Amino acid sequence: MKEKTVTELKQMLDNKEDFQLIDVREPNEFEICNLNGLLIPMNEIPDNLDKIAKDKPVVIHCRSGARSGRICDYLEQNEGFTNLYNLKGGILAWADQIDPEMQKY
């Protein structure tokens, strides 16, 4: 599984790169804090494959990187995706390293 660090993600955002950011947390978690990604809760991924880009990099994140890692594995092994990156450390790493003002839970 390929990964991106929060520093790499920030560079991608700052450079306005063409990629998709997907948040696989639950709606209540998204309300607490988010990175403005597309919210597709983990259990809804199989029903929303058409919303996941295949023609550009896709960074998938959750709270700590565990759920998003499982989703990356699932999509690569079962759905043929080759353009996925797990956000290492998830939104907690973003709060720790990039945005200390972000609310954590």
PDB file of N, CA and C in Angstrom:
ATOM      1  N   MET A   1       0.835  -1.180   0.000  1.00  0.00           N
ATOM      2  CA  MET A   1       0.000   0.000   0.000  1.00  0.00           C
ATOM      3  C   MET A   1       0.886   1.252   0.000  1.00  0.00           C
ATOM      4  N   LYS A   2       0.549   2.182  -0.891  1.00  0.00           N
ATOM      5  CA  LYS A   2       1.286   3.438  -0.962  1.00  0.00           C
ATOM      6  C   LYS A   2       0.722   4.404   0.076  1.00  0.00           C
ATOM      7  N   GLU A   3       1.577   5.252   0.587  1.00  0.00           N
ATOM      8  CA  GLU A   3       1.146   6.218   1.586  1.00  0.00           C
ATOM      9  C   GLU A   3       1.640   7.610   1.243  1.00  0.00           C
ATOM     10  N   LYS A   4       0.943   8.590   1.763  1.00  0.00           N
ATOM     11  CA  LYS A   4       1.366   9.988   1.723  1.00  0.00           C
ATOM     12  C   LYS A   4       1.442  10.458   3.168  1.00  0.00           C
ATOM     13  N   THR A   5       2.431  11.286   3.467  1.00  0.00           N
ATOM     14  CA  THR A   5       2.494  11.901   4.792  1.00  0.00           C
ATOM     15  C   THR A   5       1.622  13.152   4.771  1.00  0.00           C
ATOM     16  N   VAL A   6       1.320  13.672   5.954  1.00  0.00           N
ATOM     17  CA  VAL A   6       0.520  14.895   6.003  1.00  0.00           C
ATOM     18  C   VAL A   6       1.291  16.061   5.377  1.00  0.00           C
ATOM     19  N   THR A   7       2.608  16.051   5.478  1.00  0.00           N
ATOM     20  CA  THR A   7       3.424  17.091   4.848  1.00  0.00           C
ATOM     21  C   THR A   7       3.290  17.019   3.329  1.00  0.00           C
ATOM     22  N   GLU A   8       3.315  15.812   2.791  1.00  0.00           N
ATOM     23  CA  GLU A   8       3.139  15.644   1.340  1.00  0.00           C
ATOM     24  C   GLU A   8       1.743  16.089   0.912  1.00  0.00           C
ATOM     25  N   LEU A   9       0.719  15.750   1.719  1.00  0.00           N
ATOM     26  CA  LEU A   9      -0.640  16.170   1.390  1.00  0.00           C
ATOM     27  C   LEU A   9      -0.739  17.689   1.404  1.00  0.00           C
ATOM     28  N   LYS A  10      -0.141  18.329   2.383  1.00  0.00           N
ATOM     29  CA  LYS A  10      -0.177  19.799   2.441  1.00  0.00           C
ATOM     30  C   LYS A  10       0.474  20.397   1.205  1.00  0.00           C
ATOM     31  N   GLN A  11       1.591  19.824   0.760  1.00  0.00           N
ATOM     32  CA  GLN A  11       2.247  20.310  -0.465  1.00  0.00           C
ATOM     33  C   GLN A  11       1.328  20.139  -1.670  1.00  0.00           C
ATOM     34  N   MET A  12       0.636  19.008  -1.735  1.00  0.00           N
ATOM     35  CA  MET A  12      -0.297  18.770  -2.843  1.00  0.00           C
ATOM     36  C   MET A  12      -1.401  19.824  -2.846  1.00  0.00           C
ATOM     37  N   LEU A  13      -1.931  20.130  -1.667  1.00  0.00           N
ATOM     38  CA  LEU A  13      -2.984  21.144  -1.551  1.00  0.00           C
ATOM     39  C   LEU A  13      -2.445  22.530  -1.901  1.00  0.00           C
ATOM     40  N   ASP A  14      -1.292  22.870  -1.349  1.00  0.00           N
ATOM     41  CA  ASP A  14      -0.687  24.177  -1.613  1.00  0.00           C
ATOM     42  C   ASP A  14      -0.370  24.371  -3.096  1.00  0.00           C
ATOM     43  N   ASN A  15       0.045  23.294  -3.762  1.00  0.00           N
ATOM     44  CA  ASN A  15       0.386  23.348  -5.183  1.00  0.00           C
ATOM     45  C   ASN A  15      -0.833  23.204  -6.091  1.00  0.00           C
ATOM     46  N   LYS A  16      -2.006  23.038  -5.469  1.00  0.00           N
ATOM     47  CA  LYS A  16      -3.265  22.865  -6.208  1.00  0.00           C
ATOM     48  C   LYS A  16      -3.178  21.719  -7.213  1.00  0.00           C
ATOM     49  N   GLU A  17      -2.547  20.629  -6.767  1.00  0.00           N
ATOM     50  CA  GLU A  17      -2.443  19.449  -7.626  1.00  0.00           C
ATOM     51  C   GLU A  17      -3.820  18.849  -7.872  1.00  0.00           C
ATOM     52  N   ASP A  18      -3.941  18.131  -8.978  1.00  0.00           N
ATOM     53  CA  ASP A  18      -5.197  17.481  -9.336  1.00  0.00           C
ATOM     54  C   ASP A  18      -5.223  16.094  -8.702  1.00  0.00           C
ATOM     55  N   PHE A  19      -5.955  15.989  -7.602  1.00  0.00           N
ATOM     56  CA  PHE A  19      -6.113  14.709  -6.924  1.00  0.00           C
ATOM     57  C   PHE A  19      -7.447  14.727  -6.185  1.00  0.00           C
ATOM     58  N   GLN A  20      -7.845  13.574  -5.698  1.00  0.00           N
ATOM     59  CA  GLN A  20      -9.085  13.456  -4.931  1.00  0.00           C
ATOM     60  C   GLN A  20      -8.742  13.076  -3.497  1.00  0.00           C
ATOM     61  N   LEU A  21      -9.421  13.716  -2.550  1.00  0.00           N
ATOM     62  CA  LEU A  21      -9.251  13.414  -1.134  1.00  0.00           C
ATOM     63  C   LEU A  21     -10.555  12.819  -0.625  1.00  0.00           C
ATOM     64  N   ILE A  22     -10.463  11.613  -0.080  1.00  0.00           N
ATOM     65  CA  ILE A  22     -11.653  10.920   0.422  1.00  0.00           C
ATOM     66  C   ILE A  22     -11.491  10.655   1.909  1.00  0.00           C
ATOM     67  N   ASP A  23     -12.520  10.991   2.662  1.00  0.00           N
ATOM     68  CA  ASP A  23     -12.586  10.801   4.111  1.00  0.00           C
ATOM     69  C   ASP A  23     -13.521   9.625   4.368  1.00  0.00           C
ATOM     70  N   VAL A  24     -13.010   8.566   5.013  1.00  0.00           N
ATOM     71  CA  VAL A  24     -13.831   7.369   5.234  1.00  0.00           C
ATOM     72  C   VAL A  24     -14.339   7.265   6.675  1.00  0.00           C
ATOM     73  N   ARG A  25     -14.283   8.384   7.406  1.00  0.00           N
ATOM     74  CA  ARG A  25     -14.813   8.389   8.769  1.00  0.00           C
ATOM     75  C   ARG A  25     -16.334   8.511   8.736  1.00  0.00           C
ATOM     76  N   GLU A  26     -16.946   8.516   9.900  1.00  0.00           N
ATOM     77  CA  GLU A  26     -18.395   8.647  10.016  1.00  0.00           C
ATOM     78  C   GLU A  26     -18.789  10.129   9.997  1.00  0.00           C
ATOM     79  N   PRO A  27     -20.039  10.440   9.621  1.00  0.00           N
ATOM     80  CA  PRO A  27     -20.471  11.845   9.555  1.00  0.00           C
ATOM     81  C   PRO A  27     -20.245  12.628  10.857  1.00  0.00           C
ATOM     82  N   ASN A  28     -20.452  11.999  11.995  1.00  0.00           N
ATOM     83  CA  ASN A  28     -20.251  12.724  13.260  1.00  0.00           C
ATOM     84  C   ASN A  28     -18.779  13.084  13.462  1.00  0.00           C
ATOM     85  N   GLU A  29     -17.865  12.249  12.980  1.00  0.00           N
ATOM     86  CA  GLU A  29     -16.438  12.554  13.062  1.00  0.00           C
ATOM     87  C   GLU A  29     -16.089  13.698  12.110  1.00  0.00           C
ATOM     88  N   PHE A  30     -16.675  13.666  10.923  1.00  0.00           N
ATOM     89  CA  PHE A  30     -16.444  14.691   9.903  1.00  0.00           C
ATOM     90  C   PHE A  30     -16.869  16.060  10.421  1.00  0.00           C
ATOM     91  N   GLU A  31     -17.958  16.096  11.198  1.00  0.00           N
ATOM     92  CA  GLU A  31     -18.451  17.363  11.751  1.00  0.00           C
ATOM     93  C   GLU A  31     -17.475  17.960  12.758  1.00  0.00           C
ATOM     94  N   ILE A  32     -16.747  17.133  13.479  1.00  0.00           N
ATOM     95  CA  ILE A  32     -15.790  17.627  14.478  1.00  0.00           C
ATOM     96  C   ILE A  32     -14.632  18.339  13.796  1.00  0.00           C
ATOM     97  N   CYS A  33     -14.068  17.693  12.777  1.00  0.00           N
ATOM     98  CA  CYS A  33     -12.957  18.266  12.027  1.00  0.00           C
ATOM     99  C   CYS A  33     -12.863  17.536  10.697  1.00  0.00           C
ATOM    100  N   ASN A  34     -12.425  18.263   9.664  1.00  0.00           N
ATOM    101  CA  ASN A  34     -12.262  17.609   8.371  1.00  0.00           C
ATOM    102  C   ASN A  34     -11.278  18.389   7.512  1.00  0.00           C
ATOM    103  N   LEU A  35     -10.858  17.759   6.432  1.00  0.00           N
ATOM    104  CA  LEU A  35      -9.896  18.346   5.500  1.00  0.00           C
ATOM    105  C   LEU A  35     -10.562  18.716   4.172  1.00  0.00           C
ATOM    106  N   ASN A  36     -11.888  18.852   4.207  1.00  0.00           N
ATOM    107  CA  ASN A  36     -12.677  19.201   3.016  1.00  0.00           C
ATOM    108  C   ASN A  36     -12.618  18.139   1.925  1.00  0.00           C
ATOM    109  N   GLY A  37     -12.419  16.900   2.335  1.00  0.00           N
ATOM    110  CA  GLY A  37     -12.458  15.803   1.375  1.00  0.00           C
ATOM    111  C   GLY A  37     -13.888  15.342   1.167  1.00  0.00           C
ATOM    112  N   LEU A  38     -14.052  14.432   0.221  1.00  0.00           N
ATOM    113  CA  LEU A  38     -15.350  13.827  -0.036  1.00  0.00           C
ATOM    114  C   LEU A  38     -15.611  12.791   1.050  1.00  0.00           C
ATOM    115  N   LEU A  39     -16.714  12.940   1.769  1.00  0.00           N
ATOM    116  CA  LEU A  39     -17.054  12.001   2.833  1.00  0.00           C
ATOM    117  C   LEU A  39     -17.777  10.787   2.254  1.00  0.00           C
ATOM    118  N   ILE A  40     -17.128   9.627   2.372  1.00  0.00           N
ATOM    119  CA  ILE A  40     -17.762   8.345   2.040  1.00  0.00           C
ATOM    120  C   ILE A  40     -17.419   7.419   3.205  1.00  0.00           C
ATOM    121  N   PRO A  41     -18.323   7.277   4.177  1.00  0.00           N
ATOM    122  CA  PRO A  41     -18.013   6.403   5.320  1.00  0.00           C
ATOM    123  C   PRO A  41     -17.570   5.014   4.870  1.00  0.00           C
ATOM    124  N   MET A  42     -16.659   4.445   5.639  1.00  0.00           N
ATOM    125  CA  MET A  42     -16.020   3.172   5.303  1.00  0.00           C
ATOM    126  C   MET A  42     -17.012   2.111   4.825  1.00  0.00           C
ATOM    127  N   ASN A  43     -18.120   1.933   5.554  1.00  0.00           N
ATOM    128  CA  ASN A  43     -19.067   0.877   5.198  1.00  0.00           C
ATOM    129  C   ASN A  43     -19.869   1.195   3.939  1.00  0.00           C
ATOM    130  N   GLU A  44     -19.764   2.426   3.426  1.00  0.00           N
ATOM    131  CA  GLU A  44     -20.489   2.799   2.209  1.00  0.00           C
ATOM    132  C   GLU A  44     -19.605   2.774   0.954  1.00  0.00           C
ATOM    133  N   ILE A  45     -18.317   2.495   1.135  1.00  0.00           N
ATOM    134  CA  ILE A  45     -17.387   2.487  -0.012  1.00  0.00           C
ATOM    135  C   ILE A  45     -17.839   1.527  -1.117  1.00  0.00           C
ATOM    136  N   PRO A  46     -18.200   0.266  -0.806  1.00  0.00           N
ATOM    137  CA  PRO A  46     -18.571  -0.653  -1.898  1.00  0.00           C
ATOM    138  C   PRO A  46     -19.736  -0.155  -2.754  1.00  0.00           C
ATOM    139  N   ASP A  47     -20.630   0.653  -2.173  1.00  0.00           N
ATOM    140  CA  ASP A  47     -21.781   1.167  -2.921  1.00  0.00           C
ATOM    141  C   ASP A  47     -21.487   2.483  -3.624  1.00  0.00           C
ATOM    142  N   ASN A  48     -20.286   3.020  -3.452  1.00  0.00           N
ATOM    143  CA  ASN A  48     -19.951   4.328  -4.017  1.00  0.00           C
ATOM    144  C   ASN A  48     -18.668   4.303  -4.835  1.00  0.00           C
ATOM    145  N   LEU A  49     -18.361   3.158  -5.437  1.00  0.00           N
ATOM    146  CA  LEU A  49     -17.134   3.035  -6.230  1.00  0.00           C
ATOM    147  C   LEU A  49     -17.089   4.035  -7.376  1.00  0.00           C
ATOM    148  N   ASP A  50     -18.260   4.393  -7.908  1.00  0.00           N
ATOM    149  CA  ASP A  50     -18.317   5.329  -9.026  1.00  0.00           C
ATOM    150  C   ASP A  50     -17.888   6.742  -8.632  1.00  0.00           C
ATOM    151  N   LYS A  51     -17.827   7.030  -7.341  1.00  0.00           N
ATOM    152  CA  LYS A  51     -17.417   8.357  -6.877  1.00  0.00           C
ATOM    153  C   LYS A  51     -15.909   8.457  -6.665  1.00  0.00           C
ATOM    154  N   ILE A  52     -15.194   7.343  -6.802  1.00  0.00           N
ATOM    155  CA  ILE A  52     -13.757   7.315  -6.571  1.00  0.00           C
ATOM    156  C   ILE A  52     -13.039   7.391  -7.912  1.00  0.00           C
ATOM    157  N   ALA A  53     -12.213   8.421  -8.057  1.00  0.00           N
ATOM    158  CA  ALA A  53     -11.504   8.644  -9.333  1.00  0.00           C
ATOM    159  C   ALA A  53     -10.534   7.504  -9.621  1.00  0.00           C
ATOM    160  N   LYS A  54     -10.438   7.153 -10.900  1.00  0.00           N
ATOM    161  CA  LYS A  54      -9.443   6.164 -11.328  1.00  0.00           C
ATOM    162  C   LYS A  54      -8.380   6.813 -12.203  1.00  0.00           C
ATOM    163  N   ASP A  55      -8.606   8.088 -12.569  1.00  0.00           N
ATOM    164  CA  ASP A  55      -7.736   8.760 -13.529  1.00  0.00           C
ATOM    165  C   ASP A  55      -6.812   9.801 -12.901  1.00  0.00           C
ATOM    166  N   LYS A  56      -6.737   9.833 -11.564  1.00  0.00           N
ATOM    167  CA  LYS A  56      -5.827  10.746 -10.867  1.00  0.00           C
ATOM    168  C   LYS A  56      -5.546  10.179  -9.479  1.00  0.00           C
ATOM    169  N   PRO A  57      -4.534  10.690  -8.806  1.00  0.00           N
ATOM    170  CA  PRO A  57      -4.241  10.178  -7.461  1.00  0.00           C
ATOM    171  C   PRO A  57      -5.419  10.389  -6.511  1.00  0.00           C
ATOM    172  N   VAL A  58      -5.628   9.413  -5.638  1.00  0.00           N
ATOM    173  CA  VAL A  58      -6.677   9.490  -4.621  1.00  0.00           C
ATOM    174  C   VAL A  58      -6.019   9.257  -3.262  1.00  0.00           C
ATOM    175  N   VAL A  59      -6.148  10.247  -2.378  1.00  0.00           N
ATOM    176  CA  VAL A  59      -5.643  10.121  -1.019  1.00  0.00           C
ATOM    177  C   VAL A  59      -6.841   9.815  -0.115  1.00  0.00           C
ATOM    178  N   ILE A  60      -6.761   8.707   0.599  1.00  0.00           N
ATOM    179  CA  ILE A  60      -7.845   8.282   1.481  1.00  0.00           C
ATOM    180  C   ILE A  60      -7.387   8.452   2.921  1.00  0.00           C
ATOM    181  N   HIS A  61      -8.259   9.038   3.744  1.00  0.00           N
ATOM    182  CA  HIS A  61      -7.867   9.245   5.138  1.00  0.00           C
ATOM    183  C   HIS A  61      -9.004   8.935   6.098  1.00  0.00           C
ATOM    184  N   CYS A  62      -8.608   8.706   7.345  1.00  0.00           N
ATOM    185  CA  CYS A  62      -9.547   8.512   8.447  1.00  0.00           C
ATOM    186  C   CYS A  62      -8.962   9.241   9.652  1.00  0.00           C
ATOM    187  N   ARG A  63      -9.233   8.758  10.849  1.00  0.00           N
ATOM    188  CA  ARG A  63      -8.732   9.425  12.048  1.00  0.00           C
ATOM    189  C   ARG A  63      -7.238   9.169  12.251  1.00  0.00           C
ATOM    190  N   SER A  64      -6.828   7.889  12.148  1.00  0.00           N
ATOM    191  CA  SER A  64      -5.432   7.549  12.455  1.00  0.00           C
ATOM    192  C   SER A  64      -4.699   6.840  11.318  1.00  0.00           C
ATOM    193  N   GLY A  65      -5.408   6.447  10.292  1.00  0.00           N
ATOM    194  CA  GLY A  65      -4.805   5.745   9.161  1.00  0.00           C
ATOM    195  C   GLY A  65      -5.143   4.275   9.083  1.00  0.00           C
ATOM    196  N   ALA A  66      -5.780   3.727  10.110  1.00  0.00           N
ATOM    197  CA  ALA A  66      -6.100   2.293  10.103  1.00  0.00           C
ATOM    198  C   ALA A  66      -7.263   1.965   9.171  1.00  0.00           C
ATOM    199  N   ARG A  67      -8.386   2.652   9.325  1.00  0.00           N
ATOM    200  CA  ARG A  67      -9.552   2.380   8.470  1.00  0.00           C
ATOM    201  C   ARG A  67      -9.232   2.682   7.013  1.00  0.00           C
ATOM    202  N   SER A  68      -8.580   3.812   6.776  1.00  0.00           N
ATOM    203  CA  SER A  68      -8.259   4.167   5.390  1.00  0.00           C
ATOM    204  C   SER A  68      -7.285   3.163   4.785  1.00  0.00           C
ATOM    205  N   GLY A  69      -6.383   2.623   5.592  1.00  0.00           N
ATOM    206  CA  GLY A  69      -5.477   1.587   5.106  1.00  0.00           C
ATOM    207  C   GLY A  69      -6.234   0.341   4.681  1.00  0.00           C
ATOM    208  N   ARG A  70      -7.220  -0.045   5.485  1.00  0.00           N
ATOM    209  CA  ARG A  70      -8.045  -1.216   5.125  1.00  0.00           C
ATOM    210  C   ARG A  70      -8.817  -0.956   3.830  1.00  0.00           C
ATOM    211  N   ILE A  71      -9.308   0.262   3.666  1.00  0.00           N
ATOM    212  CA  ILE A  71     -10.045   0.603   2.450  1.00  0.00           C
ATOM    213  C   ILE A  71      -9.114   0.578   1.236  1.00  0.00           C
ATOM    214  N   CYS A  72      -7.909   1.116   1.378  1.00  0.00           N
ATOM    215  CA  CYS A  72      -6.949   1.057   0.272  1.00  0.00           C
ATOM    216  C   CYS A  72      -6.682  -0.387  -0.121  1.00  0.00           C
ATOM    217  N   ASP A  73      -6.427  -1.239   0.863  1.00  0.00           N
ATOM    218  CA  ASP A  73      -6.192  -2.659   0.580  1.00  0.00           C
ATOM    219  C   ASP A  73      -7.386  -3.284  -0.132  1.00  0.00           C
ATOM    220  N   TYR A  74      -8.591  -3.038   0.380  1.00  0.00           N
ATOM    221  CA  TYR A  74      -9.802  -3.599  -0.215  1.00  0.00           C
ATOM    222  C   TYR A  74      -9.947  -3.154  -1.675  1.00  0.00           C
ATOM    223  N   LEU A  75      -9.806  -1.851  -1.906  1.00  0.00           N
ATOM    224  CA  LEU A  75     -10.005  -1.328  -3.260  1.00  0.00           C
ATOM    225  C   LEU A  75      -8.941  -1.829  -4.230  1.00  0.00           C
ATOM    226  N   GLU A  76      -7.706  -1.979  -3.760  1.00  0.00           N
ATOM    227  CA  GLU A  76      -6.642  -2.486  -4.631  1.00  0.00           C
ATOM    228  C   GLU A  76      -6.833  -3.975  -4.918  1.00  0.00           C
ATOM    229  N   GLN A  77      -7.171  -4.740  -3.918  1.00  0.00           N
ATOM    230  CA  GLN A  77      -7.273  -6.196  -4.081  1.00  0.00           C
ATOM    231  C   GLN A  77      -8.557  -6.638  -4.754  1.00  0.00           C
ATOM    232  N   ASN A  78      -9.656  -5.911  -4.521  1.00  0.00           N
ATOM    233  CA  ASN A  78     -10.959  -6.370  -5.010  1.00  0.00           C
ATOM    234  C   ASN A  78     -11.549  -5.550  -6.151  1.00  0.00           C
ATOM    235  N   GLU A  79     -11.117  -4.312  -6.291  1.00  0.00           N
ATOM    236  CA  GLU A  79     -11.739  -3.436  -7.289  1.00  0.00           C
ATOM    237  C   GLU A  79     -10.759  -2.916  -8.338  1.00  0.00           C
ATOM    238  N   GLY A  80      -9.498  -3.319  -8.258  1.00  0.00           N
ATOM    239  CA  GLY A  80      -8.534  -2.989  -9.302  1.00  0.00           C
ATOM    240  C   GLY A  80      -7.956  -1.576  -9.276  1.00  0.00           C
ATOM    241  N   PHE A  81      -8.126  -0.857  -8.188  1.00  0.00           N
ATOM    242  CA  PHE A  81      -7.555   0.492  -8.104  1.00  0.00           C
ATOM    243  C   PHE A  81      -6.036   0.408  -7.961  1.00  0.00           C
ATOM    244  N   THR A  82      -5.338   1.326  -8.642  1.00  0.00           N
ATOM    245  CA  THR A  82      -3.871   1.372  -8.569  1.00  0.00           C
ATOM    246  C   THR A  82      -3.363   2.775  -8.231  1.00  0.00           C
ATOM    247  N   ASN A  83      -4.277   3.703  -7.978  1.00  0.00           N
ATOM    248  CA  ASN A  83      -3.939   5.118  -7.813  1.00  0.00           C
ATOM    249  C   ASN A  83      -4.204   5.631  -6.397  1.00  0.00           C
ATOM    250  N   LEU A  84      -4.200   4.729  -5.417  1.00  0.00           N
ATOM    251  CA  LEU A  84      -4.600   5.096  -4.056  1.00  0.00           C
ATOM    252  C   LEU A  84      -3.404   5.314  -3.140  1.00  0.00           C
ATOM    253  N   TYR A  85      -3.586   6.259  -2.209  1.00  0.00           N
ATOM    254  CA  TYR A  85      -2.590   6.541  -1.177  1.00  0.00           C
ATOM    255  C   TYR A  85      -3.309   6.663   0.159  1.00  0.00           C
ATOM    256  N   ASN A  86      -2.790   5.963   1.150  1.00  0.00           N
ATOM    257  CA  ASN A  86      -3.311   6.085   2.506  1.00  0.00           C
ATOM    258  C   ASN A  86      -2.612   7.276   3.166  1.00  0.00           C
ATOM    259  N   LEU A  87      -3.376   8.111   3.874  1.00  0.00           N
ATOM    260  CA  LEU A  87      -2.766   9.225   4.596  1.00  0.00           C
ATOM    261  C   LEU A  87      -2.195   8.688   5.904  1.00  0.00           C
ATOM    262  N   LYS A  88      -0.880   8.647   5.974  1.00  0.00           N
ATOM    263  CA  LYS A  88      -0.186   8.083   7.131  1.00  0.00           C
ATOM    264  C   LYS A  88      -0.486   8.917   8.380  1.00  0.00           C
ATOM    265  N   GLY A  89      -1.048   8.258   9.397  1.00  0.00           N
ATOM    266  CA  GLY A  89      -1.367   8.944  10.648  1.00  0.00           C
ATOM    267  C   GLY A  89      -2.714   9.637  10.666  1.00  0.00           C
ATOM    268  N   GLY A  90      -3.386   9.690   9.505  1.00  0.00           N
ATOM    269  CA  GLY A  90      -4.725  10.252   9.425  1.00  0.00           C
ATOM    270  C   GLY A  90      -4.827  11.709   9.849  1.00  0.00           C
ATOM    271  N   ILE A  91      -6.051  12.090  10.194  1.00  0.00           N
ATOM    272  CA  ILE A  91      -6.314  13.480  10.541  1.00  0.00           C
ATOM    273  C   ILE A  91      -5.660  13.856  11.875  1.00  0.00           C
ATOM    274  N   LEU A  92      -5.359  12.871  12.701  1.00  0.00           N
ATOM    275  CA  LEU A  92      -4.638  13.167  13.942  1.00  0.00           C
ATOM    276  C   LEU A  92      -3.226  13.677  13.636  1.00  0.00           C
ATOM    277  N   ALA A  93      -2.565  13.067  12.661  1.00  0.00           N
ATOM    278  CA  ALA A  93      -1.240  13.533  12.262  1.00  0.00           C
ATOM    279  C   ALA A  93      -1.332  14.928  11.659  1.00  0.00           C
ATOM    280  N   TRP A  94      -2.385  15.194  10.900  1.00  0.00           N
ATOM    281  CA  TRP A  94      -2.583  16.526  10.333  1.00  0.00           C
ATOM    282  C   TRP A  94      -2.693  17.553  11.468  1.00  0.00           C
ATOM    283  N   ALA A  95      -3.499  17.247  12.476  1.00  0.00           N
ATOM    284  CA  ALA A  95      -3.671  18.167  13.606  1.00  0.00           C
ATOM    285  C   ALA A  95      -2.354  18.360  14.360  1.00  0.00           C
ATOM    286  N   ASP A  96      -1.590  17.294  14.527  1.00  0.00           N
ATOM    287  CA  ASP A  96      -0.323  17.380  15.262  1.00  0.00           C
ATOM    288  C   ASP A  96       0.752  18.139  14.493  1.00  0.00           C
ATOM    289  N   GLN A  97       0.842  17.895  13.188  1.00  0.00           N
ATOM    290  CA  GLN A  97       1.977  18.396  12.419  1.00  0.00           C
ATOM    291  C   GLN A  97       1.688  19.619  11.553  1.00  0.00           C
ATOM    292  N   ILE A  98       0.424  19.804  11.140  1.00  0.00           N
ATOM    293  CA  ILE A  98       0.102  20.861  10.188  1.00  0.00           C
ATOM    294  C   ILE A  98      -0.776  21.941  10.816  1.00  0.00           C
ATOM    295  N   ASP A  99      -1.828  21.542  11.524  1.00  0.00           N
ATOM    296  CA  ASP A  99      -2.809  22.492  12.040  1.00  0.00           C
ATOM    297  C   ASP A  99      -3.096  22.229  13.516  1.00  0.00           C
ATOM    298  N   PRO A 100      -2.242  22.764  14.405  1.00  0.00           N
ATOM    299  CA  PRO A 100      -2.439  22.513  15.835  1.00  0.00           C
ATOM    300  C   PRO A 100      -3.724  23.111  16.397  1.00  0.00           C
ATOM    301  N   GLU A 101      -4.386  23.979  15.639  1.00  0.00           N
ATOM    302  CA  GLU A 101      -5.668  24.557  16.081  1.00  0.00           C
ATOM    303  C   GLU A 101      -6.835  23.588  15.829  1.00  0.00           C
ATOM    304  N   MET A 102      -6.611  22.580  14.991  1.00  0.00           N
ATOM    305  CA  MET A 102      -7.686  21.649  14.658  1.00  0.00           C
ATOM    306  C   MET A 102      -8.115  20.869  15.890  1.00  0.00           C
ATOM    307  N   GLN A 103      -9.417  20.757  16.041  1.00  0.00           N
ATOM    308  CA  GLN A 103      -9.968  19.991  17.166  1.00  0.00           C
ATOM    309  C   GLN A 103      -9.697  18.500  16.958  1.00  0.00           C
ATOM    310  N   LYS A 104      -9.214  17.853  18.011  1.00  0.00           N
ATOM    311  CA  LYS A 104      -8.973  16.400  17.946  1.00  0.00           C
ATOM    312  C   LYS A 104      -9.992  15.685  18.821  1.00  0.00           C
ATOM    313  N   TYR A 105     -10.192  14.420  18.534  1.00  0.00           N
ATOM    314  CA  TYR A 105     -11.130  13.602  19.314  1.00  0.00           C
ATOM    315  C   TYR A 105     -10.577  12.222  19.474  1.00  0.00           C
TER     316      TYR A 105
END
